[in-house]
């Protein structure tokens, strides 16, 4: 099953690399600066066909669907065809194909593919996390030696002040910050030790499902900002990190 998902992600990534004339392919969804392109739909349709052919007993929860299927019962693929479309349409070359598989609400498989760097992150429940077939692990850096990633919840401007308040508190305690735009790639960067912490005040499950399993299998921790479990059936906040920094964030109550 993992090989089939990896192959589907790699082929979907080739669609991103072959794009042209995006000026005529972009429209806006609900929320300020929330874009969708004909390529998002094309990649999602491709993945739906490929994944459900490989696992016909599963159902499909995709970002571009107008009505979202149940992710908490049975086998469910949870898919973001192009994570960070805003980067994609601007040519930033920092977007990803994100595919998770859940069984009755528990994540059992995750694949995140960055076609621009040809990096394939994979994980299966209880089997560890890999980057291009090699094991990865979160860093052991403490908060004062760490770097954090964060998202600004751009589609919900009511959360802007809280996002920057938390970022300011972290800047007083950590070495630096990074803002890349792709939640899936923030999670995989933490999973392989490139950063120590990440947060966003609200995200959709397809943004973080695959990356969440990869991070956990790499020894990391993920929760909501208050420490409660993440959800797969509705949006929630995200706090991710290596065990030391994740625990320090909660102990200091920096998410309030």
C-alpha atoms as a PDB file:
ATOM      1  CA  UNK A   1       0.000   0.000   0.000  1.00  0.00           C
ATOM      2  CA  UNK A   2       2.787   2.451   0.879  1.00  0.00           C
ATOM      3  CA  UNK A   3       4.494   1.878  -2.480  1.00  0.00           C
ATOM      4  CA  UNK A   4       1.249   2.660  -4.299  1.00  0.00           C
ATOM      5  CA  UNK A   5       0.759   5.887  -2.331  1.00  0.00           C
ATOM      6  CA  UNK A   6       4.372   6.953  -2.877  1.00  0.00           C
ATOM      7  CA  UNK A   7       4.044   6.364  -6.608  1.00  0.00           C
ATOM      8  CA  UNK A   8       0.801   8.344  -6.729  1.00  0.00           C
ATOM      9  CA  UNK A   9       2.429  11.243  -4.853  1.00  0.00           C
ATOM     10  CA  UNK A  10       5.443  11.224  -7.172  1.00  0.00           C
ATOM     11  CA  UNK A  11       3.242  11.274 -10.278  1.00  0.00           C
ATOM     12  CA  UNK A  12       1.120  14.058  -8.775  1.00  0.00           C
ATOM     13  CA  UNK A  13       4.306  16.010  -8.120  1.00  0.00           C
ATOM     14  CA  UNK A  14       5.228  15.733 -11.781  1.00  0.00           C
ATOM     15  CA  UNK A  15       1.987  17.564 -12.599  1.00  0.00           C
ATOM     16  CA  UNK A  16       3.128  20.464 -10.392  1.00  0.00           C
ATOM     17  CA  UNK A  17       6.486  20.545 -12.155  1.00  0.00           C
ATOM     18  CA  UNK A  18       4.839  20.638 -15.591  1.00  0.00           C
ATOM     19  CA  UNK A  19       2.596  23.658 -14.910  1.00  0.00           C
ATOM     20  CA  UNK A  20       2.531  26.672 -17.192  1.00  0.00           C
ATOM     21  CA  UNK A  21       0.433  29.808 -17.744  1.00  0.00           C
ATOM     22  CA  UNK A  22      -0.893  29.968 -14.184  1.00  0.00           C
ATOM     23  CA  UNK A  23      -2.320  33.445 -14.810  1.00  0.00           C
ATOM     24  CA  UNK A  24      -5.363  31.875 -16.439  1.00  0.00           C
ATOM     25  CA  UNK A  25      -5.681  29.002 -13.975  1.00  0.00           C
ATOM     26  CA  UNK A  26      -6.231  30.811 -10.657  1.00  0.00           C
ATOM     27  CA  UNK A  27      -9.425  31.676  -8.797  1.00  0.00           C
ATOM     28  CA  UNK A  28     -10.137  32.582  -5.178  1.00  0.00           C
ATOM     29  CA  UNK A  29     -11.983  30.552  -2.556  1.00  0.00           C
ATOM     30  CA  UNK A  30     -13.636  31.760   0.634  1.00  0.00           C
ATOM     31  CA  UNK A  31     -11.155  33.660   2.796  1.00  0.00           C
ATOM     32  CA  UNK A  32      -8.666  36.401   2.012  1.00  0.00           C
ATOM     33  CA  UNK A  33      -5.821  35.191  -0.233  1.00  0.00           C
ATOM     34  CA  UNK A  34      -7.181  31.637  -0.409  1.00  0.00           C
ATOM     35  CA  UNK A  35      -6.449  30.422  -3.919  1.00  0.00           C
ATOM     36  CA  UNK A  36      -7.407  27.409  -5.982  1.00  0.00           C
ATOM     37  CA  UNK A  37      -6.082  26.563  -9.435  1.00  0.00           C
ATOM     38  CA  UNK A  38      -7.162  24.179 -12.127  1.00  0.00           C
ATOM     39  CA  UNK A  39      -4.060  22.222 -11.134  1.00  0.00           C
ATOM     40  CA  UNK A  40      -5.354  21.678  -7.568  1.00  0.00           C
ATOM     41  CA  UNK A  41      -8.458  20.080  -9.033  1.00  0.00           C
ATOM     42  CA  UNK A  42      -6.479  18.154 -11.653  1.00  0.00           C
ATOM     43  CA  UNK A  43      -4.077  16.724  -9.071  1.00  0.00           C
ATOM     44  CA  UNK A  44      -6.872  15.852  -6.657  1.00  0.00           C
ATOM     45  CA  UNK A  45      -8.859  14.038  -9.344  1.00  0.00           C
ATOM     46  CA  UNK A  46      -5.721  12.156 -10.358  1.00  0.00           C
ATOM     47  CA  UNK A  47      -5.025  11.141  -6.754  1.00  0.00           C
ATOM     48  CA  UNK A  48      -8.622  10.112  -6.115  1.00  0.00           C
ATOM     49  CA  UNK A  49      -8.482   7.705  -9.055  1.00  0.00           C
ATOM     50  CA  UNK A  50      -5.027   6.338  -8.222  1.00  0.00           C
ATOM     51  CA  UNK A  51      -5.563   5.907  -4.478  1.00  0.00           C
ATOM     52  CA  UNK A  52      -9.029   4.398  -4.675  1.00  0.00           C
ATOM     53  CA  UNK A  53      -7.826   1.996  -7.359  1.00  0.00           C
ATOM     54  CA  UNK A  54      -5.054   0.879  -5.008  1.00  0.00           C
ATOM     55  CA  UNK A  55      -7.343   0.735  -1.934  1.00  0.00           C
ATOM     56  CA  UNK A  56     -10.917   0.406  -3.242  1.00  0.00           C
ATOM     57  CA  UNK A  57     -12.391  -0.108   0.221  1.00  0.00           C
ATOM     58  CA  UNK A  58     -11.254   3.370   1.302  1.00  0.00           C
ATOM     59  CA  UNK A  59     -13.060   6.662   0.901  1.00  0.00           C
ATOM     60  CA  UNK A  60     -11.520  10.003  -0.033  1.00  0.00           C
ATOM     61  CA  UNK A  61     -11.416  13.307   1.854  1.00  0.00           C
ATOM     62  CA  UNK A  62      -9.875  15.968  -0.398  1.00  0.00           C
ATOM     63  CA  UNK A  63      -9.384  19.692   0.118  1.00  0.00           C
ATOM     64  CA  UNK A  64     -11.093  20.659  -3.133  1.00  0.00           C
ATOM     65  CA  UNK A  65     -14.285  18.696  -2.488  1.00  0.00           C
ATOM     66  CA  UNK A  66     -17.295  20.891  -1.731  1.00  0.00           C
ATOM     67  CA  UNK A  67     -18.683  18.257   0.650  1.00  0.00           C
ATOM     68  CA  UNK A  68     -16.167  16.334   2.743  1.00  0.00           C
ATOM     69  CA  UNK A  69     -16.565  12.657   3.502  1.00  0.00           C
ATOM     70  CA  UNK A  70     -16.239  11.115   6.962  1.00  0.00           C
ATOM     71  CA  UNK A  71     -12.602  10.794   8.055  1.00  0.00           C
ATOM     72  CA  UNK A  72     -13.363   9.031  11.350  1.00  0.00           C
ATOM     73  CA  UNK A  73     -14.848   5.734  10.187  1.00  0.00           C
ATOM     74  CA  UNK A  74     -13.339   3.009   8.042  1.00  0.00           C
ATOM     75  CA  UNK A  75     -10.342   3.642   5.808  1.00  0.00           C
ATOM     76  CA  UNK A  76     -10.071   7.271   4.724  1.00  0.00           C
ATOM     77  CA  UNK A  77      -7.505   9.003   2.529  1.00  0.00           C
ATOM     78  CA  UNK A  78      -7.047  12.617   3.701  1.00  0.00           C
ATOM     79  CA  UNK A  79      -5.469  14.559   0.842  1.00  0.00           C
ATOM     80  CA  UNK A  80      -4.147  18.023   0.085  1.00  0.00           C
ATOM     81  CA  UNK A  81      -3.270  17.941  -3.626  1.00  0.00           C
ATOM     82  CA  UNK A  82      -1.138  21.107  -3.458  1.00  0.00           C
ATOM     83  CA  UNK A  83      -0.284  22.218   0.059  1.00  0.00           C
ATOM     84  CA  UNK A  84       0.328  25.978  -0.126  1.00  0.00           C
ATOM     85  CA  UNK A  85      -1.286  26.958  -3.391  1.00  0.00           C
ATOM     86  CA  UNK A  86      -0.266  30.557  -2.632  1.00  0.00           C
ATOM     87  CA  UNK A  87       3.405  29.552  -3.011  1.00  0.00           C
ATOM     88  CA  UNK A  88       2.545  27.509  -6.097  1.00  0.00           C
ATOM     89  CA  UNK A  89       0.881  30.343  -7.995  1.00  0.00           C
ATOM     90  CA  UNK A  90       3.746  32.718  -7.197  1.00  0.00           C
ATOM     91  CA  UNK A  91       6.467  30.329  -8.314  1.00  0.00           C
ATOM     92  CA  UNK A  92       8.034  30.035  -4.856  1.00  0.00           C
ATOM     93  CA  UNK A  93       8.663  26.310  -5.436  1.00  0.00           C
ATOM     94  CA  UNK A  94       7.805  25.371  -1.854  1.00  0.00           C
ATOM     95  CA  UNK A  95       4.606  23.330  -2.030  1.00  0.00           C
ATOM     96  CA  UNK A  96       3.839  19.671  -1.421  1.00  0.00           C
ATOM     97  CA  UNK A  97       1.543  16.771  -2.175  1.00  0.00           C
ATOM     98  CA  UNK A  98       0.179  15.500   1.151  1.00  0.00           C
ATOM     99  CA  UNK A  99      -1.552  12.109   1.527  1.00  0.00           C
ATOM    100  CA  UNK A 100      -2.624  10.482   4.791  1.00  0.00           C
ATOM    101  CA  UNK A 101      -4.533   7.264   5.392  1.00  0.00           C
ATOM    102  CA  UNK A 102      -6.588   6.835   8.560  1.00  0.00           C
ATOM    103  CA  UNK A 103      -8.337   3.762   9.945  1.00  0.00           C
ATOM    104  CA  UNK A 104     -11.349   4.639  12.117  1.00  0.00           C
ATOM    105  CA  UNK A 105      -9.825   8.032  12.910  1.00  0.00           C
ATOM    106  CA  UNK A 106      -6.286   6.801  13.618  1.00  0.00           C
ATOM    107  CA  UNK A 107      -3.513   7.805  11.235  1.00  0.00           C
ATOM    108  CA  UNK A 108      -1.751   4.728   9.859  1.00  0.00           C
ATOM    109  CA  UNK A 109       0.140   6.056   6.813  1.00  0.00           C
ATOM    110  CA  UNK A 110       1.517   9.417   5.745  1.00  0.00           C
ATOM    111  CA  UNK A 111       3.302  10.636   2.612  1.00  0.00           C
ATOM    112  CA  UNK A 112       4.472  14.193   1.943  1.00  0.00           C
ATOM    113  CA  UNK A 113       6.288  14.862  -1.320  1.00  0.00           C
ATOM    114  CA  UNK A 114       8.097  18.075  -2.230  1.00  0.00           C
ATOM    115  CA  UNK A 115       8.621  17.753  -5.993  1.00  0.00           C
ATOM    116  CA  UNK A 116      10.829  20.834  -6.208  1.00  0.00           C
ATOM    117  CA  UNK A 117      13.467  19.250  -3.952  1.00  0.00           C
ATOM    118  CA  UNK A 118      12.476  15.694  -4.894  1.00  0.00           C
ATOM    119  CA  UNK A 119      12.095  14.861  -1.187  1.00  0.00           C
ATOM    120  CA  UNK A 120       9.751  12.011  -0.278  1.00  0.00           C
ATOM    121  CA  UNK A 121       8.774  11.785   3.391  1.00  0.00           C
ATOM    122  CA  UNK A 122       6.948   8.615   4.451  1.00  0.00           C
ATOM    123  CA  UNK A 123       5.696   6.972   7.616  1.00  0.00           C
ATOM    124  CA  UNK A 124       3.662   3.965   8.660  1.00  0.00           C
ATOM    125  CA  UNK A 125       2.204   3.605  12.131  1.00  0.00           C
ATOM    126  CA  UNK A 126       4.752   1.951  14.414  1.00  0.00           C
ATOM    127  CA  UNK A 127       7.448   1.684  11.734  1.00  0.00           C
ATOM    128  CA  UNK A 128       9.297   4.994  11.983  1.00  0.00           C
ATOM    129  CA  UNK A 129       9.641   7.845   9.506  1.00  0.00           C
ATOM    130  CA  UNK A 130      11.800   8.047   6.398  1.00  0.00           C
ATOM    131  CA  UNK A 131      13.158  10.678   4.024  1.00  0.00           C
ATOM    132  CA  UNK A 132      13.955   9.145   0.650  1.00  0.00           C
ATOM    133  CA  UNK A 133      14.087   5.738   2.312  1.00  0.00           C
ATOM    134  CA  UNK A 134      16.439   6.752   5.142  1.00  0.00           C
ATOM    135  CA  UNK A 135      15.323   6.995   8.793  1.00  0.00           C
ATOM    136  CA  UNK A 136      14.791  10.477  10.219  1.00  0.00           C
ATOM    137  CA  UNK A 137      14.382  11.774  13.765  1.00  0.00           C
ATOM    138  CA  UNK A 138      13.562  15.066  15.410  1.00  0.00           C
ATOM    139  CA  UNK A 139      16.409  17.092  16.872  1.00  0.00           C
ATOM    140  CA  UNK A 140      17.364  17.096  20.558  1.00  0.00           C
ATOM    141  CA  UNK A 141      17.791  20.886  20.733  1.00  0.00           C
ATOM    142  CA  UNK A 142      16.259  22.760  23.639  1.00  0.00           C
ATOM    143  CA  UNK A 143      13.993  25.780  23.250  1.00  0.00           C
ATOM    144  CA  UNK A 144      16.796  28.335  23.693  1.00  0.00           C
ATOM    145  CA  UNK A 145      18.781  26.678  20.866  1.00  0.00           C
ATOM    146  CA  UNK A 146      15.821  26.058  18.597  1.00  0.00           C
ATOM    147  CA  UNK A 147      14.183  27.534  15.511  1.00  0.00           C
ATOM    148  CA  UNK A 148      10.405  27.605  15.094  1.00  0.00           C
ATOM    149  CA  UNK A 149       8.081  27.675  12.100  1.00  0.00           C
ATOM    150  CA  UNK A 150       4.656  29.245  12.222  1.00  0.00           C
ATOM    151  CA  UNK A 151       1.617  29.933  10.115  1.00  0.00           C
ATOM    152  CA  UNK A 152      -0.291  33.188  10.279  1.00  0.00           C
ATOM    153  CA  UNK A 153      -3.805  31.741   9.714  1.00  0.00           C
ATOM    154  CA  UNK A 154      -4.200  34.128   6.741  1.00  0.00           C
ATOM    155  CA  UNK A 155      -7.747  32.976   5.942  1.00  0.00           C
ATOM    156  CA  UNK A 156      -8.965  33.960   9.431  1.00  0.00           C
ATOM    157  CA  UNK A 157      -7.729  37.454  10.184  1.00  0.00           C
ATOM    158  CA  UNK A 158      -9.374  37.415  13.608  1.00  0.00           C
ATOM    159  CA  UNK A 159      -6.513  35.105  14.660  1.00  0.00           C
ATOM    160  CA  UNK A 160      -3.758  37.384  13.369  1.00  0.00           C
ATOM    161  CA  UNK A 161      -3.083  39.168  16.670  1.00  0.00           C
ATOM    162  CA  UNK A 162      -2.919  35.887  18.584  1.00  0.00           C
ATOM    163  CA  UNK A 163      -0.561  34.352  16.007  1.00  0.00           C
ATOM    164  CA  UNK A 164       1.931  37.189  16.280  1.00  0.00           C
ATOM    165  CA  UNK A 165       1.583  37.373  20.077  1.00  0.00           C
ATOM    166  CA  UNK A 166       2.644  33.719  20.322  1.00  0.00           C
ATOM    167  CA  UNK A 167       5.435  34.272  17.772  1.00  0.00           C
ATOM    168  CA  UNK A 168       6.719  37.235  19.792  1.00  0.00           C
ATOM    169  CA  UNK A 169       6.829  35.145  22.970  1.00  0.00           C
ATOM    170  CA  UNK A 170       8.760  32.451  21.137  1.00  0.00           C
ATOM    171  CA  UNK A 171      11.217  34.962  19.680  1.00  0.00           C
ATOM    172  CA  UNK A 172      12.087  35.949  23.265  1.00  0.00           C
ATOM    173  CA  UNK A 173      12.935  32.326  24.034  1.00  0.00           C
ATOM    174  CA  UNK A 174      14.203  30.776  20.780  1.00  0.00           C
ATOM    175  CA  UNK A 175      16.957  31.590  18.294  1.00  0.00           C
ATOM    176  CA  UNK A 176      14.879  32.490  15.226  1.00  0.00           C
ATOM    177  CA  UNK A 177      11.732  31.834  13.212  1.00  0.00           C
ATOM    178  CA  UNK A 178      10.853  30.630   9.727  1.00  0.00           C
ATOM    179  CA  UNK A 179       7.643  31.303   7.751  1.00  0.00           C
ATOM    180  CA  UNK A 180       7.434  29.098   4.656  1.00  0.00           C
ATOM    181  CA  UNK A 181       3.695  28.759   4.003  1.00  0.00           C
ATOM    182  CA  UNK A 182       3.320  24.972   3.796  1.00  0.00           C
ATOM    183  CA  UNK A 183       2.124  23.315   6.993  1.00  0.00           C
ATOM    184  CA  UNK A 184       2.934  19.868   5.605  1.00  0.00           C
ATOM    185  CA  UNK A 185       6.547  20.843   4.929  1.00  0.00           C
ATOM    186  CA  UNK A 186       6.870  22.608   8.292  1.00  0.00           C
ATOM    187  CA  UNK A 187       5.943  19.316   9.941  1.00  0.00           C
ATOM    188  CA  UNK A 188       8.410  17.299   7.892  1.00  0.00           C
ATOM    189  CA  UNK A 189      11.153  19.872   8.531  1.00  0.00           C
ATOM    190  CA  UNK A 190      10.611  19.397  12.266  1.00  0.00           C
ATOM    191  CA  UNK A 191      10.520  15.631  11.766  1.00  0.00           C
ATOM    192  CA  UNK A 192      13.988  15.596  10.219  1.00  0.00           C
ATOM    193  CA  UNK A 193      15.540  18.070  12.663  1.00  0.00           C
ATOM    194  CA  UNK A 194      15.617  21.233  10.566  1.00  0.00           C
ATOM    195  CA  UNK A 195      13.436  23.062  13.102  1.00  0.00           C
ATOM    196  CA  UNK A 196      12.326  22.389  16.668  1.00  0.00           C
ATOM    197  CA  UNK A 197       8.779  23.757  16.893  1.00  0.00           C
ATOM    198  CA  UNK A 198       5.835  24.795  14.758  1.00  0.00           C
ATOM    199  CA  UNK A 199       2.397  26.237  15.387  1.00  0.00           C
ATOM    200  CA  UNK A 200      -0.684  27.639  13.681  1.00  0.00           C
ATOM    201  CA  UNK A 201      -3.907  28.830  15.292  1.00  0.00           C
ATOM    202  CA  UNK A 202      -6.183  27.016  12.843  1.00  0.00           C
ATOM    203  CA  UNK A 203      -5.628  24.474  10.084  1.00  0.00           C
ATOM    204  CA  UNK A 204      -7.682  21.970   8.131  1.00  0.00           C
ATOM    205  CA  UNK A 205      -7.007  18.232   8.649  1.00  0.00           C
ATOM    206  CA  UNK A 206      -5.652  17.746   5.119  1.00  0.00           C
ATOM    207  CA  UNK A 207      -2.969  20.358   5.888  1.00  0.00           C
ATOM    208  CA  UNK A 208      -1.486  18.361   8.753  1.00  0.00           C
ATOM    209  CA  UNK A 209      -2.720  14.745   8.698  1.00  0.00           C
ATOM    210  CA  UNK A 210       0.164  13.179   6.753  1.00  0.00           C
ATOM    211  CA  UNK A 211       2.808  15.386   8.363  1.00  0.00           C
ATOM    212  CA  UNK A 212       1.444  14.627  11.828  1.00  0.00           C
ATOM    213  CA  UNK A 213       2.115  10.906  11.474  1.00  0.00           C
ATOM    214  CA  UNK A 214       5.543  11.496   9.939  1.00  0.00           C
ATOM    215  CA  UNK A 215       6.455  13.783  12.857  1.00  0.00           C
ATOM    216  CA  UNK A 216       5.213  11.343  15.482  1.00  0.00           C
ATOM    217  CA  UNK A 217       7.020   8.421  13.884  1.00  0.00           C
ATOM    218  CA  UNK A 218      10.185  10.559  13.878  1.00  0.00           C
ATOM    219  CA  UNK A 219       9.909  10.933  17.653  1.00  0.00           C
ATOM    220  CA  UNK A 220       8.077  14.258  17.701  1.00  0.00           C
ATOM    221  CA  UNK A 221       4.928  15.471  19.396  1.00  0.00           C
ATOM    222  CA  UNK A 222       1.809  17.106  17.960  1.00  0.00           C
ATOM    223  CA  UNK A 223      -1.250  18.503  19.711  1.00  0.00           C
ATOM    224  CA  UNK A 224      -3.479  21.524  19.703  1.00  0.00           C
ATOM    225  CA  UNK A 225      -2.104  24.701  21.278  1.00  0.00           C
ATOM    226  CA  UNK A 226      -3.679  23.809  24.620  1.00  0.00           C
ATOM    227  CA  UNK A 227      -2.194  20.315  24.568  1.00  0.00           C
ATOM    228  CA  UNK A 228      -5.400  18.499  23.576  1.00  0.00           C
ATOM    229  CA  UNK A 229      -5.342  15.948  20.721  1.00  0.00           C
ATOM    230  CA  UNK A 230      -5.595  17.087  17.103  1.00  0.00           C
ATOM    231  CA  UNK A 231      -8.753  16.311  15.153  1.00  0.00           C
ATOM    232  CA  UNK A 232      -9.281  14.706  11.749  1.00  0.00           C
ATOM    233  CA  UNK A 233     -12.926  15.688  11.210  1.00  0.00           C
ATOM    234  CA  UNK A 234     -12.726  19.475  11.659  1.00  0.00           C
ATOM    235  CA  UNK A 235     -10.187  22.332  11.756  1.00  0.00           C
ATOM    236  CA  UNK A 236      -8.045  22.811  14.852  1.00  0.00           C
ATOM    237  CA  UNK A 237      -4.928  24.550  16.099  1.00  0.00           C
ATOM    238  CA  UNK A 238      -1.561  22.828  15.769  1.00  0.00           C
ATOM    239  CA  UNK A 239       1.472  22.687  18.058  1.00  0.00           C
ATOM    240  CA  UNK A 240       4.274  20.446  16.801  1.00  0.00           C
ATOM    241  CA  UNK A 241       7.824  19.925  17.913  1.00  0.00           C
ATOM    242  CA  UNK A 242      10.500  17.753  19.377  1.00  0.00           C
ATOM    243  CA  UNK A 243       9.521  16.445  22.831  1.00  0.00           C
ATOM    244  CA  UNK A 244      11.649  18.958  24.757  1.00  0.00           C
ATOM    245  CA  UNK A 245      10.376  22.095  23.039  1.00  0.00           C
ATOM    246  CA  UNK A 246       6.779  20.919  22.722  1.00  0.00           C
ATOM    247  CA  UNK A 247       6.691  20.235  26.473  1.00  0.00           C
ATOM    248  CA  UNK A 248       8.348  23.576  27.285  1.00  0.00           C
ATOM    249  CA  UNK A 249       5.773  25.481  25.192  1.00  0.00           C
ATOM    250  CA  UNK A 250       2.898  23.877  27.114  1.00  0.00           C
ATOM    251  CA  UNK A 251       4.576  24.294  30.505  1.00  0.00           C
ATOM    252  CA  UNK A 252       5.110  28.021  29.861  1.00  0.00           C
ATOM    253  CA  UNK A 253       1.527  28.368  28.557  1.00  0.00           C
ATOM    254  CA  UNK A 254       2.750  30.297  25.539  1.00  0.00           C
ATOM    255  CA  UNK A 255      -0.379  29.546  23.498  1.00  0.00           C
ATOM    256  CA  UNK A 256      -2.709  31.705  25.568  1.00  0.00           C
END
